[in-house]
Protein backbone atom coordinates (compact mmCIF):
# COMPACT_ATOMS: atom_id res chain seq x y z
CA MET A 1 139.11 235.28 235.38
CA PRO A 2 138.48 231.52 235.77
CA ILE A 3 135.83 230.23 238.23
CA PRO A 4 137.26 230.89 241.78
CA ARG A 5 137.66 228.16 244.34
CA ILE A 6 134.59 228.30 246.59
CA GLU A 7 135.02 228.04 250.27
CA PRO A 8 132.47 225.89 252.18
CA TYR A 9 129.49 227.81 253.52
CA ALA A 10 126.26 226.84 255.29
CA MET A 11 123.22 226.48 252.91
CA PRO A 12 120.86 229.39 253.80
CA SER A 13 118.02 228.24 256.05
CA GLU A 14 115.91 231.37 256.03
CA LEU A 15 114.12 232.54 252.91
CA PRO A 16 113.33 236.16 251.87
CA ALA A 17 109.71 237.17 251.75
CA ASN A 18 108.12 236.43 248.38
CA ARG A 19 105.99 239.09 246.72
CA VAL A 20 103.79 236.51 245.03
CA GLU A 21 102.19 233.30 246.08
CA TRP A 22 102.65 231.00 243.03
CA ARG A 23 102.71 227.29 243.63
CA PRO A 24 104.22 224.71 241.24
CA ASP A 25 101.79 222.40 239.47
CA PRO A 26 102.89 219.13 237.83
CA ARG A 27 100.58 219.94 234.79
CA ARG A 28 102.27 223.28 234.24
CA ALA A 29 105.92 222.90 235.46
CA VAL A 30 109.26 221.99 233.95
CA LEU A 31 112.28 221.25 236.14
CA LEU A 32 115.52 222.84 234.96
CA VAL A 33 118.73 221.33 236.28
CA HIS A 34 121.03 224.26 235.57
CA ASP A 35 124.71 223.72 234.58
CA MET A 36 125.40 220.84 237.00
CA GLN A 37 128.54 220.06 235.05
CA ASN A 38 131.83 218.82 236.53
CA TYR A 39 133.65 221.97 235.46
CA PHE A 40 131.41 224.16 237.62
CA LEU A 41 131.04 221.70 240.56
CA ARG A 42 134.77 221.09 240.98
CA ALA A 43 135.06 224.66 242.52
CA PHE A 44 133.22 223.33 245.57
CA THR A 45 134.74 221.20 248.39
CA PRO A 46 133.45 217.66 248.14
CA GLY A 47 131.69 216.42 251.18
CA ARG A 48 131.07 219.91 252.55
CA SER A 49 128.25 222.41 252.45
CA PRO A 50 126.76 223.61 250.26
CA MET A 51 127.78 220.80 247.88
CA VAL A 52 126.35 218.05 249.98
CA GLU A 53 122.89 219.67 250.18
CA LEU A 54 122.98 220.85 246.58
CA MET A 55 123.50 217.38 245.16
CA ALA A 56 121.02 215.66 247.58
CA ASN A 57 118.28 218.19 246.91
CA VAL A 58 118.73 218.32 243.08
CA LEU A 59 118.53 214.51 243.09
CA ALA A 60 115.32 214.61 245.30
CA LEU A 61 113.71 217.18 243.02
CA ARG A 62 114.48 215.13 239.88
CA GLU A 63 113.04 212.00 241.53
CA ARG A 64 109.83 213.79 242.63
CA CYS A 65 109.29 215.36 239.20
CA ALA A 66 109.86 212.07 237.45
CA GLU A 67 107.23 210.47 239.75
CA LEU A 68 104.69 213.16 238.89
CA GLY A 69 105.31 213.49 235.21
CA VAL A 70 107.09 216.85 235.31
CA PRO A 71 109.57 217.20 232.40
CA VAL A 72 113.18 217.33 233.44
CA VAL A 73 115.55 219.56 231.39
CA TYR A 74 119.26 219.96 231.84
CA SER A 75 121.36 222.90 230.57
CA ALA A 76 125.00 222.34 229.84
CA GLN A 77 127.66 224.60 228.31
CA PRO A 78 129.87 222.97 225.57
CA GLY A 79 133.55 222.60 225.97
CA ALA A 80 136.30 224.04 223.80
CA GLN A 81 134.32 226.98 222.57
CA SER A 82 135.86 229.28 220.04
CA ALA A 83 136.32 233.01 220.82
CA GLU A 84 133.38 233.75 218.55
CA GLN A 85 131.17 231.35 220.41
CA ARG A 86 132.25 232.72 223.79
CA GLY A 87 131.60 236.31 222.82
CA LEU A 88 131.66 238.69 225.84
CA LEU A 89 131.87 235.64 228.26
CA LEU A 90 135.57 235.47 227.16
CA ASP A 91 136.16 238.94 228.72
CA PHE A 92 134.57 237.99 231.96
CA TRP A 93 135.40 234.31 232.46
CA GLY A 94 138.07 233.37 229.96
CA SER A 95 137.90 230.37 227.63
CA GLY A 96 135.57 228.39 229.93
CA ILE A 97 135.21 224.66 229.75
CA GLY A 98 138.14 222.86 228.13
CA ALA A 99 138.30 220.10 225.54
CA ASP A 100 138.15 217.25 228.09
CA PRO A 101 134.62 215.84 227.74
CA ARG A 102 134.60 215.03 231.46
CA GLU A 103 134.63 218.75 232.23
CA ALA A 104 131.54 219.43 230.20
CA ALA A 105 129.68 216.33 231.44
CA ILE A 106 126.78 216.53 233.82
CA ALA A 107 127.81 215.08 237.22
CA ASP A 108 127.62 211.29 237.18
CA GLU A 109 124.85 211.18 239.88
CA LEU A 110 122.69 213.35 237.67
CA THR A 111 123.31 211.86 234.25
CA PRO A 112 120.21 212.55 232.11
CA GLY A 113 117.96 209.54 231.82
CA GLU A 114 115.56 208.38 229.13
CA GLY A 115 113.02 210.99 228.28
CA GLU A 116 114.95 213.80 229.89
CA VAL A 117 116.25 216.66 227.74
CA LEU A 118 119.83 218.06 227.57
CA LEU A 119 120.01 221.55 226.14
CA THR A 120 123.22 223.18 224.92
CA LYS A 121 123.61 226.51 226.74
CA TRP A 122 125.56 229.54 225.47
CA ARG A 123 124.85 232.43 227.76
CA TYR A 124 123.80 233.11 231.39
CA SER A 125 120.12 232.54 230.72
CA ALA A 126 118.96 228.99 229.75
CA PHE A 127 116.45 230.62 227.42
CA GLN A 128 119.15 232.24 225.25
CA ARG A 129 119.95 230.43 222.04
CA THR A 130 118.33 227.20 223.24
CA GLY A 131 115.05 225.44 222.63
CA LEU A 132 113.75 225.84 226.21
CA ALA A 133 110.94 228.34 225.46
CA GLU A 134 109.81 226.30 222.42
CA LEU A 135 109.89 223.07 224.37
CA MET A 136 107.85 224.59 227.14
CA ALA A 137 105.30 226.16 224.75
CA ALA A 138 104.94 222.87 222.81
CA GLN A 139 103.99 221.09 226.03
CA GLY A 140 101.72 223.91 227.32
CA ARG A 141 104.04 224.56 230.28
CA ASP A 142 104.36 227.98 231.92
CA GLN A 143 106.16 227.29 235.16
CA LEU A 144 109.96 226.66 235.57
CA VAL A 145 111.49 225.20 238.69
CA VAL A 146 115.17 226.08 238.72
CA CYS A 147 117.97 224.28 240.60
CA GLY A 148 121.76 224.07 240.08
CA VAL A 149 124.59 226.59 239.81
CA TYR A 150 125.48 229.37 240.10
CA ALA A 151 122.65 231.14 241.96
CA HIS A 152 123.55 234.79 241.25
CA ILE A 153 124.58 234.23 237.64
CA GLY A 154 122.75 231.72 235.35
CA VAL A 155 120.06 230.61 237.84
CA LEU A 156 119.03 234.19 238.51
CA MET A 157 119.20 235.30 234.95
CA THR A 158 117.10 232.37 233.87
CA ALA A 159 114.48 233.21 236.45
CA CYS A 160 114.45 236.82 235.31
CA GLU A 161 113.98 235.90 231.66
CA ALA A 162 111.23 233.40 232.68
CA PHE A 163 109.36 236.30 234.36
CA MET A 164 109.81 238.47 231.14
CA ARG A 165 108.36 235.60 229.13
CA ASP A 166 105.32 235.30 231.47
CA VAL A 167 106.65 232.05 232.84
CA GLN A 168 106.32 231.59 236.58
CA ALA A 169 109.79 230.80 238.02
CA PHE A 170 110.66 229.04 241.24
CA VAL A 171 114.21 229.26 242.57
CA VAL A 172 114.79 226.33 244.95
CA ALA A 173 116.93 227.94 247.65
CA ASP A 174 118.46 224.75 249.06
CA ALA A 175 119.02 223.21 245.56
CA VAL A 176 121.19 225.96 244.23
CA ALA A 177 124.71 227.05 245.24
CA ASP A 178 127.00 229.96 244.59
CA PHE A 179 130.42 231.60 245.02
CA SER A 180 129.65 232.46 248.63
CA ARG A 181 126.77 232.65 251.02
CA ARG A 182 126.58 236.35 250.39
CA HIS A 183 126.16 235.82 246.60
CA HIS A 184 123.66 233.02 247.32
CA GLU A 185 121.57 235.21 249.60
CA MET A 186 121.69 238.14 247.22
CA ALA A 187 120.33 235.95 244.43
CA LEU A 188 117.50 234.67 246.56
CA THR A 189 116.54 238.19 247.68
CA TYR A 190 116.54 239.58 244.18
CA ALA A 191 114.44 236.64 242.91
CA ALA A 192 111.88 236.94 245.64
CA GLU A 193 111.50 240.68 245.23
CA ARG A 194 111.55 241.02 241.47
CA CYS A 195 110.87 237.86 239.42
CA ALA A 196 110.20 234.50 241.13
CA VAL A 197 109.16 232.54 244.10
CA THR A 198 111.94 231.41 246.43
CA THR A 199 111.18 228.06 247.91
CA THR A 200 112.75 224.83 249.27
CA THR A 201 113.07 221.30 248.05
CA THR A 202 110.61 220.13 250.72
CA ARG A 203 108.03 222.77 249.77
CA VAL A 204 108.31 222.06 245.99
CA SER A 205 107.79 218.36 246.64
CA ARG A 206 104.83 219.13 248.92
CA ASP A 207 103.22 221.59 246.57
CA LEU A 208 103.48 219.30 243.57
CA ALA A 209 101.95 216.42 245.50
CA ARG A 210 99.10 218.69 246.72
CA ALA A 211 98.35 219.84 243.22
CA VAL A 212 97.99 216.22 242.14
CA ALA A 213 95.72 215.57 245.02
CA GLY A 214 93.65 218.66 244.27
CA VAL A 215 94.40 220.24 247.71
């Protein structure tokens, strides 16, 4: 029932074919750093793939977005939730994050900075019971670049809901991680075929820069 220990695996290097050709634009995009909390990250082996690439690429995305004026939003589940707050998550995952504030905290390397937004997240999708949709609408944003964990759960469900809200989603394949390479690849395939563009950290950075340059 708790999050399983995740064995090291190589970050996927080949992307599935995308059905659409959307490109992120700094004037339209929001970067979502999804659930990069100590509780979820401790399942990975430090210093091994995919953790090494995950952290490096999320940091790189955040830096590039900050440079180009792309809003950065973090999702984080609260600790010590009641059974009522957990709802059906209790049946699948148990009590979740404990009372220790370090478990619920965003990883130190990614501590939200000034001007960045931290949303309290209650369900798989970062749109559910949060102000993400309202935040994006208020700023006239209709693209969501998603990185973080876990690819086949919250990342994928957020991308799916973005699609259903007519928000273009981008799942950054080398800036997400999962329970296994099989789960990781499944999430990328579903996203590419049904609701989002799968891309890489390098491509997102390049596409954002090109949009600024008008290329």
